[in-house]
Amino acid sequence: MQSVSSELARSVLDAAPDAMIIIDDAGVIFFANRQVSTLFGYPHVDIIGKPVEFLMPERFRDRHLAHRQSYARACASGPWERDWNCSASAWMGRNFRSRSA
């Protein structure tokens, strides 16, 4: 039954009109729906397994990494701010605003 639930969840996320990325505790992308490839311009296989900072302008990567690590520590001790804005970087260097929820 869990594999059916997992497959259903993936299908629903993939059909969503917005780009969605799921990362693991280390910040590695393990799920990206098809809209992510459309938005960023990278083939799906080039996104999965990369650190989430791969999709950000280089000038923000170190700061985001520190922010993400702080988030992981804060989650262990209680609630943390959600729904924050950041910058993203698509293939060929096109930058745009994104939101984390």
PDB file of N, CA and C in Angstrom:
ATOM      1  N   MET A   1       0.813  -1.195   0.000  1.00  0.00           N
ATOM      2  CA  MET A   1       0.000   0.000   0.000  1.00  0.00           C
ATOM      3  C   MET A   1       0.859   1.262   0.000  1.00  0.00           C
ATOM      4  N   GLN A   2       2.014   1.230   0.687  1.00  0.00           N
ATOM      5  CA  GLN A   2       2.846   2.424   0.754  1.00  0.00           C
ATOM      6  C   GLN A   2       3.385   2.799  -0.621  1.00  0.00           C
ATOM      7  N   SER A   3       3.733   1.796  -1.459  1.00  0.00           N
ATOM      8  CA  SER A   3       4.239   2.123  -2.790  1.00  0.00           C
ATOM      9  C   SER A   3       3.167   2.801  -3.639  1.00  0.00           C
ATOM     10  N   VAL A   4       1.909   2.408  -3.460  1.00  0.00           N
ATOM     11  CA  VAL A   4       0.809   3.064  -4.167  1.00  0.00           C
ATOM     12  C   VAL A   4       0.693   4.507  -3.681  1.00  0.00           C
ATOM     13  N   SER A   5       0.765   4.716  -2.384  1.00  0.00           N
ATOM     14  CA  SER A   5       0.694   6.063  -1.826  1.00  0.00           C
ATOM     15  C   SER A   5       1.851   6.916  -2.315  1.00  0.00           C
ATOM     16  N   SER A   6       3.035   6.345  -2.352  1.00  0.00           N
ATOM     17  CA  SER A   6       4.215   7.058  -2.817  1.00  0.00           C
ATOM     18  C   SER A   6       4.077   7.423  -4.296  1.00  0.00           C
ATOM     19  N   GLU A   7       3.618   6.489  -5.091  1.00  0.00           N
ATOM     20  CA  GLU A   7       3.420   6.749  -6.516  1.00  0.00           C
ATOM     21  C   GLU A   7       2.338   7.798  -6.738  1.00  0.00           C
ATOM     22  N   LEU A   8       1.272   7.741  -5.964  1.00  0.00           N
ATOM     23  CA  LEU A   8       0.199   8.732  -6.071  1.00  0.00           C
ATOM     24  C   LEU A   8       0.715  10.115  -5.698  1.00  0.00           C
ATOM     25  N   ALA A   9       1.478  10.193  -4.614  1.00  0.00           N
ATOM     26  CA  ALA A   9       2.039  11.482  -4.194  1.00  0.00           C
ATOM     27  C   ALA A   9       2.949  12.054  -5.276  1.00  0.00           C
ATOM     28  N   ARG A  10       3.799  11.228  -5.862  1.00  0.00           N
ATOM     29  CA  ARG A  10       4.679  11.691  -6.942  1.00  0.00           C
ATOM     30  C   ARG A  10       3.868  12.176  -8.146  1.00  0.00           C
ATOM     31  N   SER A  11       2.823  11.451  -8.482  1.00  0.00           N
ATOM     32  CA  SER A  11       1.980  11.851  -9.616  1.00  0.00           C
ATOM     33  C   SER A  11       1.306  13.195  -9.360  1.00  0.00           C
ATOM     34  N   VAL A  12       0.812  13.369  -8.149  1.00  0.00           N
ATOM     35  CA  VAL A  12       0.151  14.635  -7.796  1.00  0.00           C
ATOM     36  C   VAL A  12       1.157  15.783  -7.844  1.00  0.00           C
ATOM     37  N   LEU A  13       2.317  15.590  -7.257  1.00  0.00           N
ATOM     38  CA  LEU A  13       3.343  16.644  -7.263  1.00  0.00           C
ATOM     39  C   LEU A  13       3.799  16.949  -8.682  1.00  0.00           C
ATOM     40  N   ASP A  14       3.933  15.926  -9.501  1.00  0.00           N
ATOM     41  CA  ASP A  14       4.392  16.136 -10.866  1.00  0.00           C
ATOM     42  C   ASP A  14       3.347  16.868 -11.708  1.00  0.00           C
ATOM     43  N   ALA A  15       2.084  16.692 -11.373  1.00  0.00           N
ATOM     44  CA  ALA A  15       1.010  17.349 -12.124  1.00  0.00           C
ATOM     45  C   ALA A  15       0.742  18.777 -11.644  1.00  0.00           C
ATOM     46  N   ALA A  16       1.345  19.180 -10.546  1.00  0.00           N
ATOM     47  CA  ALA A  16       1.108  20.527 -10.001  1.00  0.00           C
ATOM     48  C   ALA A  16       1.584  21.583 -10.996  1.00  0.00           C
ATOM     49  N   PRO A  17       0.890  22.719 -11.035  1.00  0.00           N
ATOM     50  CA  PRO A  17       1.276  23.771 -11.975  1.00  0.00           C
ATOM     51  C   PRO A  17       2.536  24.539 -11.560  1.00  0.00           C
ATOM     52  N   ASP A  18       2.943  24.427 -10.295  1.00  0.00           N
ATOM     53  CA  ASP A  18       4.129  25.126  -9.803  1.00  0.00           C
ATOM     54  C   ASP A  18       5.322  24.188  -9.731  1.00  0.00           C
ATOM     55  N   ALA A  19       6.512  24.748  -9.881  1.00  0.00           N
ATOM     56  CA  ALA A  19       7.737  23.973  -9.722  1.00  0.00           C
ATOM     57  C   ALA A  19       7.900  23.609  -8.252  1.00  0.00           C
ATOM     58  N   MET A  20       8.205  22.342  -7.978  1.00  0.00           N
ATOM     59  CA  MET A  20       8.393  21.873  -6.606  1.00  0.00           C
ATOM     60  C   MET A  20       9.643  21.015  -6.522  1.00  0.00           C
ATOM     61  N   ILE A  21      10.435  21.300  -5.483  1.00  0.00           N
ATOM     62  CA  ILE A  21      11.667  20.570  -5.231  1.00  0.00           C
ATOM     63  C   ILE A  21      11.608  20.050  -3.809  1.00  0.00           C
ATOM     64  N   ILE A  22      12.032  18.814  -3.614  1.00  0.00           N
ATOM     65  CA  ILE A  22      12.144  18.242  -2.272  1.00  0.00           C
ATOM     66  C   ILE A  22      13.602  17.862  -2.083  1.00  0.00           C
ATOM     67  N   ILE A  23      14.169  18.316  -0.951  1.00  0.00           N
ATOM     68  CA  ILE A  23      15.562  18.009  -0.653  1.00  0.00           C
ATOM     69  C   ILE A  23      15.649  17.126   0.584  1.00  0.00           C
ATOM     70  N   ASP A  24      16.774  16.450   0.723  1.00  0.00           N
ATOM     71  CA  ASP A  24      16.998  15.643   1.921  1.00  0.00           C
ATOM     72  C   ASP A  24      17.686  16.495   2.989  1.00  0.00           C
ATOM     73  N   ASP A  25      18.067  15.877   4.094  1.00  0.00           N
ATOM     74  CA  ASP A  25      18.698  16.601   5.198  1.00  0.00           C
ATOM     75  C   ASP A  25      20.016  17.260   4.810  1.00  0.00           C
ATOM     76  N   ALA A  26      20.675  16.724   3.810  1.00  0.00           N
ATOM     77  CA  ALA A  26      21.955  17.278   3.370  1.00  0.00           C
ATOM     78  C   ALA A  26      21.781  18.352   2.298  1.00  0.00           C
ATOM     79  N   GLY A  27      20.533  18.659   1.924  1.00  0.00           N
ATOM     80  CA  GLY A  27      20.283  19.676   0.906  1.00  0.00           C
ATOM     81  C   GLY A  27      20.381  19.167  -0.515  1.00  0.00           C
ATOM     82  N   VAL A  28      20.387  17.850  -0.681  1.00  0.00           N
ATOM     83  CA  VAL A  28      20.470  17.248  -2.010  1.00  0.00           C
ATOM     84  C   VAL A  28      19.058  17.051  -2.556  1.00  0.00           C
ATOM     85  N   ILE A  29      18.851  17.448  -3.794  1.00  0.00           N
ATOM     86  CA  ILE A  29      17.540  17.332  -4.427  1.00  0.00           C
ATOM     87  C   ILE A  29      17.253  15.861  -4.729  1.00  0.00           C
ATOM     88  N   PHE A  30      16.164  15.333  -4.165  1.00  0.00           N
ATOM     89  CA  PHE A  30      15.796  13.951  -4.489  1.00  0.00           C
ATOM     90  C   PHE A  30      14.466  13.883  -5.225  1.00  0.00           C
ATOM     91  N   PHE A  31      13.741  15.004  -5.310  1.00  0.00           N
ATOM     92  CA  PHE A  31      12.540  15.050  -6.146  1.00  0.00           C
ATOM     93  C   PHE A  31      12.430  16.443  -6.737  1.00  0.00           C
ATOM     94  N   ALA A  32      12.119  16.481  -8.006  1.00  0.00           N
ATOM     95  CA  ALA A  32      11.818  17.731  -8.705  1.00  0.00           C
ATOM     96  C   ALA A  32      10.745  17.407  -9.729  1.00  0.00           C
ATOM     97  N   ASN A  33       9.631  18.136  -9.688  1.00  0.00           N
ATOM     98  CA  ASN A  33       8.600  17.841 -10.674  1.00  0.00           C
ATOM     99  C   ASN A  33       8.990  18.410 -12.035  1.00  0.00           C
ATOM    100  N   ARG A  34       8.229  18.078 -13.050  1.00  0.00           N
ATOM    101  CA  ARG A  34       8.628  18.450 -14.413  1.00  0.00           C
ATOM    102  C   ARG A  34       8.658  19.956 -14.628  1.00  0.00           C
ATOM    103  N   GLN A  35       7.883  20.710 -13.831  1.00  0.00           N
ATOM    104  CA  GLN A  35       7.891  22.159 -13.969  1.00  0.00           C
ATOM    105  C   GLN A  35       9.241  22.760 -13.582  1.00  0.00           C
ATOM    106  N   VAL A  36       9.996  22.064 -12.746  1.00  0.00           N
ATOM    107  CA  VAL A  36      11.336  22.538 -12.372  1.00  0.00           C
ATOM    108  C   VAL A  36      12.224  22.572 -13.617  1.00  0.00           C
ATOM    109  N   SER A  37      12.190  21.526 -14.408  1.00  0.00           N
ATOM    110  CA  SER A  37      12.976  21.507 -15.644  1.00  0.00           C
ATOM    111  C   SER A  37      12.535  22.606 -16.597  1.00  0.00           C
ATOM    112  N   THR A  38      11.231  22.820 -16.685  1.00  0.00           N
ATOM    113  CA  THR A  38      10.715  23.878 -17.556  1.00  0.00           C
ATOM    114  C   THR A  38      11.184  25.250 -17.076  1.00  0.00           C
ATOM    115  N   LEU A  39      11.102  25.497 -15.785  1.00  0.00           N
ATOM    116  CA  LEU A  39      11.461  26.790 -15.215  1.00  0.00           C
ATOM    117  C   LEU A  39      12.961  27.061 -15.278  1.00  0.00           C
ATOM    118  N   PHE A  40      13.760  26.062 -14.894  1.00  0.00           N
ATOM    119  CA  PHE A  40      15.203  26.259 -14.818  1.00  0.00           C
ATOM    120  C   PHE A  40      15.937  25.961 -16.118  1.00  0.00           C
ATOM    121  N   GLY A  41      15.321  25.171 -16.996  1.00  0.00           N
ATOM    122  CA  GLY A  41      15.942  24.877 -18.276  1.00  0.00           C
ATOM    123  C   GLY A  41      16.930  23.723 -18.266  1.00  0.00           C
ATOM    124  N   TYR A  42      17.068  23.041 -17.143  1.00  0.00           N
ATOM    125  CA  TYR A  42      17.960  21.881 -17.050  1.00  0.00           C
ATOM    126  C   TYR A  42      17.167  20.601 -17.261  1.00  0.00           C
ATOM    127  N   PRO A  43      17.765  19.610 -17.924  1.00  0.00           N
ATOM    128  CA  PRO A  43      17.104  18.304 -17.995  1.00  0.00           C
ATOM    129  C   PRO A  43      16.929  17.745 -16.582  1.00  0.00           C
ATOM    130  N   HIS A  44      15.879  16.989 -16.378  1.00  0.00           N
ATOM    131  CA  HIS A  44      15.562  16.426 -15.073  1.00  0.00           C
ATOM    132  C   HIS A  44      16.750  15.660 -14.478  1.00  0.00           C
ATOM    133  N   VAL A  45      17.443  14.893 -15.299  1.00  0.00           N
ATOM    134  CA  VAL A  45      18.576  14.094 -14.805  1.00  0.00           C
ATOM    135  C   VAL A  45      19.728  14.966 -14.306  1.00  0.00           C
ATOM    136  N   ASP A  46      19.800  16.215 -14.758  1.00  0.00           N
ATOM    137  CA  ASP A  46      20.855  17.120 -14.309  1.00  0.00           C
ATOM    138  C   ASP A  46      20.503  17.817 -12.995  1.00  0.00           C
ATOM    139  N   ILE A  47      19.261  17.685 -12.531  1.00  0.00           N
ATOM    140  CA  ILE A  47      18.815  18.343 -11.298  1.00  0.00           C
ATOM    141  C   ILE A  47      18.861  17.379 -10.113  1.00  0.00           C
ATOM    142  N   ILE A  48      18.355  16.171 -10.308  1.00  0.00           N
ATOM    143  CA  ILE A  48      18.299  15.185  -9.228  1.00  0.00           C
ATOM    144  C   ILE A  48      19.720  14.836  -8.779  1.00  0.00           C
ATOM    145  N   GLY A  49      19.923  14.829  -7.463  1.00  0.00           N
ATOM    146  CA  GLY A  49      21.224  14.484  -6.902  1.00  0.00           C
ATOM    147  C   GLY A  49      22.155  15.669  -6.701  1.00  0.00           C
ATOM    148  N   LYS A  50      21.741  16.846  -7.164  1.00  0.00           N
ATOM    149  CA  LYS A  50      22.557  18.051  -6.988  1.00  0.00           C
ATOM    150  C   LYS A  50      22.153  18.759  -5.694  1.00  0.00           C
ATOM    151  N   PRO A  51      23.077  19.511  -5.086  1.00  0.00           N
ATOM    152  CA  PRO A  51      22.687  20.320  -3.933  1.00  0.00           C
ATOM    153  C   PRO A  51      21.718  21.411  -4.392  1.00  0.00           C
ATOM    154  N   VAL A  52      20.766  21.770  -3.548  1.00  0.00           N
ATOM    155  CA  VAL A  52      19.764  22.757  -3.926  1.00  0.00           C
ATOM    156  C   VAL A  52      20.412  24.091  -4.314  1.00  0.00           C
ATOM    157  N   GLU A  53      21.570  24.377  -3.749  1.00  0.00           N
ATOM    158  CA  GLU A  53      22.269  25.629  -4.083  1.00  0.00           C
ATOM    159  C   GLU A  53      22.693  25.690  -5.545  1.00  0.00           C
ATOM    160  N   PHE A  54      22.729  24.549  -6.220  1.00  0.00           N
ATOM    161  CA  PHE A  54      23.024  24.489  -7.652  1.00  0.00           C
ATOM    162  C   PHE A  54      22.052  25.376  -8.439  1.00  0.00           C
ATOM    163  N   LEU A  55      20.838  25.526  -7.934  1.00  0.00           N
ATOM    164  CA  LEU A  55      19.803  26.272  -8.640  1.00  0.00           C
ATOM    165  C   LEU A  55      19.740  27.746  -8.224  1.00  0.00           C
ATOM    166  N   MET A  56      20.784  28.233  -7.571  1.00  0.00           N
ATOM    167  CA  MET A  56      20.822  29.619  -7.110  1.00  0.00           C
ATOM    168  C   MET A  56      21.988  30.350  -7.751  1.00  0.00           C
ATOM    169  N   PRO A  57      21.861  31.674  -7.857  1.00  0.00           N
ATOM    170  CA  PRO A  57      23.021  32.429  -8.341  1.00  0.00           C
ATOM    171  C   PRO A  57      24.220  32.161  -7.432  1.00  0.00           C
ATOM    172  N   GLU A  58      25.385  32.065  -8.014  1.00  0.00           N
ATOM    173  CA  GLU A  58      26.583  31.715  -7.259  1.00  0.00           C
ATOM    174  C   GLU A  58      26.815  32.637  -6.065  1.00  0.00           C
ATOM    175  N   ARG A  59      26.514  33.913  -6.222  1.00  0.00           N
ATOM    176  CA  ARG A  59      26.774  34.868  -5.138  1.00  0.00           C
ATOM    177  C   ARG A  59      25.926  34.602  -3.893  1.00  0.00           C
ATOM    178  N   PHE A  60      24.843  33.809  -3.998  1.00  0.00           N
ATOM    179  CA  PHE A  60      23.968  33.515  -2.858  1.00  0.00           C
ATOM    180  C   PHE A  60      24.180  32.110  -2.280  1.00  0.00           C
ATOM    181  N   ARG A  61      24.973  31.294  -2.918  1.00  0.00           N
ATOM    182  CA  ARG A  61      25.071  29.883  -2.526  1.00  0.00           C
ATOM    183  C   ARG A  61      25.611  29.680  -1.120  1.00  0.00           C
ATOM    184  N   ASP A  62      26.708  30.342  -0.768  1.00  0.00           N
ATOM    185  CA  ASP A  62      27.285  30.162   0.569  1.00  0.00           C
ATOM    186  C   ASP A  62      26.323  30.634   1.654  1.00  0.00           C
ATOM    187  N   ARG A  63      25.685  31.765   1.413  1.00  0.00           N
ATOM    188  CA  ARG A  63      24.733  32.294   2.397  1.00  0.00           C
ATOM    189  C   ARG A  63      23.546  31.353   2.558  1.00  0.00           C
ATOM    190  N   HIS A  64      23.056  30.801   1.451  1.00  0.00           N
ATOM    191  CA  HIS A  64      21.930  29.879   1.536  1.00  0.00           C
ATOM    192  C   HIS A  64      22.324  28.611   2.276  1.00  0.00           C
ATOM    193  N   LEU A  65      23.520  28.103   2.000  1.00  0.00           N
ATOM    194  CA  LEU A  65      23.992  26.910   2.688  1.00  0.00           C
ATOM    195  C   LEU A  65      24.017  27.145   4.202  1.00  0.00           C
ATOM    196  N   ALA A  66      24.545  28.278   4.628  1.00  0.00           N
ATOM    197  CA  ALA A  66      24.567  28.608   6.063  1.00  0.00           C
ATOM    198  C   ALA A  66      23.151  28.732   6.608  1.00  0.00           C
ATOM    199  N   HIS A  67      22.264  29.338   5.846  1.00  0.00           N
ATOM    200  CA  HIS A  67      20.873  29.504   6.258  1.00  0.00           C
ATOM    201  C   HIS A  67      20.189  28.137   6.405  1.00  0.00           C
ATOM    202  N   ARG A  68      20.437  27.262   5.449  1.00  0.00           N
ATOM    203  CA  ARG A  68      19.842  25.927   5.488  1.00  0.00           C
ATOM    204  C   ARG A  68      20.363  25.119   6.669  1.00  0.00           C
ATOM    205  N   GLN A  69      21.647  25.239   6.949  1.00  0.00           N
ATOM    206  CA  GLN A  69      22.220  24.530   8.097  1.00  0.00           C
ATOM    207  C   GLN A  69      21.646  25.076   9.407  1.00  0.00           C
ATOM    208  N   SER A  70      21.444  26.374   9.472  1.00  0.00           N
ATOM    209  CA  SER A  70      20.827  26.987  10.649  1.00  0.00           C
ATOM    210  C   SER A  70      19.398  26.482  10.814  1.00  0.00           C
ATOM    211  N   TYR A  71      18.696  26.354   9.718  1.00  0.00           N
ATOM    212  CA  TYR A  71      17.338  25.828   9.731  1.00  0.00           C
ATOM    213  C   TYR A  71      17.311  24.411  10.305  1.00  0.00           C
ATOM    214  N   ALA A  72      18.252  23.578   9.864  1.00  0.00           N
ATOM    215  CA  ALA A  72      18.295  22.191  10.344  1.00  0.00           C
ATOM    216  C   ALA A  72      18.528  22.153  11.854  1.00  0.00           C
ATOM    217  N   ARG A  73      19.413  23.003  12.347  1.00  0.00           N
ATOM    218  CA  ARG A  73      19.653  23.051  13.790  1.00  0.00           C
ATOM    219  C   ARG A  73      18.418  23.550  14.524  1.00  0.00           C
ATOM    220  N   ALA A  74      17.750  24.558  13.983  1.00  0.00           N
ATOM    221  CA  ALA A  74      16.563  25.129  14.631  1.00  0.00           C
ATOM    222  C   ALA A  74      15.404  24.146  14.644  1.00  0.00           C
ATOM    223  N   CYS A  75      15.295  23.331  13.616  1.00  0.00           N
ATOM    224  CA  CYS A  75      14.212  22.342  13.569  1.00  0.00           C
ATOM    225  C   CYS A  75      14.333  21.342  14.701  1.00  0.00           C
ATOM    226  N   ALA A  76      15.541  21.080  15.118  1.00  0.00           N
ATOM    227  CA  ALA A  76      15.749  20.141  16.214  1.00  0.00           C
ATOM    228  C   ALA A  76      15.283  20.727  17.538  1.00  0.00           C
ATOM    229  N   SER A  77      15.211  22.067  17.612  1.00  0.00           N
ATOM    230  CA  SER A  77      14.852  22.695  18.881  1.00  0.00           C
ATOM    231  C   SER A  77      13.483  23.354  18.881  1.00  0.00           C
ATOM    232  N   GLY A  78      12.803  23.417  17.754  1.00  0.00           N
ATOM    233  CA  GLY A  78      11.472  24.014  17.742  1.00  0.00           C
ATOM    234  C   GLY A  78      11.124  24.621  16.399  1.00  0.00           C
ATOM    235  N   PRO A  79      10.015  25.359  16.351  1.00  0.00           N
ATOM    236  CA  PRO A  79       9.555  25.925  15.075  1.00  0.00           C
ATOM    237  C   PRO A  79      10.527  26.967  14.534  1.00  0.00           C
ATOM    238  N   TRP A  80      10.499  27.110  13.235  1.00  0.00           N
ATOM    239  CA  TRP A  80      11.389  28.035  12.548  1.00  0.00           C
ATOM    240  C   TRP A  80      10.589  28.764  11.474  1.00  0.00           C
ATOM    241  N   GLU A  81      11.023  29.926  11.129  1.00  0.00           N
ATOM    242  CA  GLU A  81      10.340  30.727  10.104  1.00  0.00           C
ATOM    243  C   GLU A  81      10.248  29.953   8.799  1.00  0.00           C
ATOM    244  N   ARG A  82       9.081  30.000   8.193  1.00  0.00           N
ATOM    245  CA  ARG A  82       8.873  29.367   6.898  1.00  0.00           C
ATOM    246  C   ARG A  82       8.415  30.435   5.921  1.00  0.00           C
ATOM    247  N   ASP A  83       8.304  30.058   4.702  1.00  0.00           N
ATOM    248  CA  ASP A  83       7.776  30.937   3.670  1.00  0.00           C
ATOM    249  C   ASP A  83       8.672  32.160   3.461  1.00  0.00           C
ATOM    250  N   TRP A  84       9.919  31.933   3.072  1.00  0.00           N
ATOM    251  CA  TRP A  84      10.830  33.041   2.839  1.00  0.00           C
ATOM    252  C   TRP A  84      11.222  33.099   1.378  1.00  0.00           C
ATOM    253  N   ASN A  85      11.572  34.286   0.930  1.00  0.00           N
ATOM    254  CA  ASN A  85      11.919  34.522  -0.467  1.00  0.00           C
ATOM    255  C   ASN A  85      13.422  34.393  -0.674  1.00  0.00           C
ATOM    256  N   CYS A  86      13.799  33.927  -1.849  1.00  0.00           N
ATOM    257  CA  CYS A  86      15.208  33.851  -2.199  1.00  0.00           C
ATOM    258  C   CYS A  86      15.332  33.980  -3.716  1.00  0.00           C
ATOM    259  N   SER A  87      16.552  34.024  -4.188  1.00  0.00           N
ATOM    260  CA  SER A  87      16.800  34.112  -5.623  1.00  0.00           C
ATOM    261  C   SER A  87      17.147  32.740  -6.157  1.00  0.00           C
ATOM    262  N   ALA A  88      16.825  32.525  -7.419  1.00  0.00           N
ATOM    263  CA  ALA A  88      17.139  31.274  -8.089  1.00  0.00           C
ATOM    264  C   ALA A  88      17.866  31.597  -9.387  1.00  0.00           C
ATOM    265  N   SER A  89      18.581  30.636  -9.887  1.00  0.00           N
ATOM    266  CA  SER A  89      19.349  30.831 -11.109  1.00  0.00           C
ATOM    267  C   SER A  89      19.064  29.691 -12.074  1.00  0.00           C
ATOM    268  N   ALA A  90      18.571  30.022 -13.238  1.00  0.00           N
ATOM    269  CA  ALA A  90      18.243  29.024 -14.253  1.00  0.00           C
ATOM    270  C   ALA A  90      19.443  28.785 -15.167  1.00  0.00           C
ATOM    271  N   TRP A  91      19.295  27.819 -16.026  1.00  0.00           N
ATOM    272  CA  TRP A  91      20.303  27.512 -17.031  1.00  0.00           C
ATOM    273  C   TRP A  91      20.645  28.775 -17.799  1.00  0.00           C
ATOM    274  N   MET A  92      21.860  28.954 -18.187  1.00  0.00           N
ATOM    275  CA  MET A  92      22.356  30.128 -18.914  1.00  0.00           C
ATOM    276  C   MET A  92      22.348  31.397 -18.057  1.00  0.00           C
ATOM    277  N   GLY A  93      22.243  31.246 -16.717  1.00  0.00           N
ATOM    278  CA  GLY A  93      22.404  32.379 -15.825  1.00  0.00           C
ATOM    279  C   GLY A  93      21.211  33.285 -15.622  1.00  0.00           C
ATOM    280  N   ARG A  94      20.042  32.921 -16.140  1.00  0.00           N
ATOM    281  CA  ARG A  94      18.842  33.748 -15.926  1.00  0.00           C
ATOM    282  C   ARG A  94      18.430  33.631 -14.464  1.00  0.00           C
ATOM    283  N   ASN A  95      18.329  34.769 -13.766  1.00  0.00           N
ATOM    284  CA  ASN A  95      17.951  34.785 -12.347  1.00  0.00           C
ATOM    285  C   ASN A  95      16.489  35.189 -12.189  1.00  0.00           C
ATOM    286  N   PHE A  96      15.862  34.682 -11.131  1.00  0.00           N
ATOM    287  CA  PHE A  96      14.481  35.049 -10.821  1.00  0.00           C
ATOM    288  C   PHE A  96      14.231  34.834  -9.342  1.00  0.00           C
ATOM    289  N   ARG A  97      13.144  35.419  -8.824  1.00  0.00           N
ATOM    290  CA  ARG A  97      12.779  35.280  -7.418  1.00  0.00           C
ATOM    291  C   ARG A  97      12.036  33.966  -7.220  1.00  0.00           C
ATOM    292  N   SER A  98      12.263  33.313  -6.088  1.00  0.00           N
ATOM    293  CA  SER A  98      11.547  32.098  -5.761  1.00  0.00           C
ATOM    294  C   SER A  98      11.129  32.166  -4.296  1.00  0.00           C
ATOM    295  N   ARG A  99      10.328  31.213  -3.884  1.00  0.00           N
ATOM    296  CA  ARG A  99       9.817  31.213  -2.513  1.00  0.00           C
ATOM    297  C   ARG A  99       9.945  29.817  -1.940  1.00  0.00           C
ATOM    298  N   SER A 100      10.387  29.757  -0.706  1.00  0.00           N
ATOM    299  CA  SER A 100      10.489  28.480   0.001  1.00  0.00           C
ATOM    300  C   SER A 100       9.348  28.402   1.003  1.00  0.00           C
ATOM    301  N   ALA A 101       8.685  27.274   1.041  1.00  0.00           N
ATOM    302  CA  ALA A 101       7.567  27.135   1.976  1.00  0.00           C
ATOM    303  C   ALA A 101       7.711  25.851   2.765  1.00  0.00           C
TER     304      ALA A 101
END
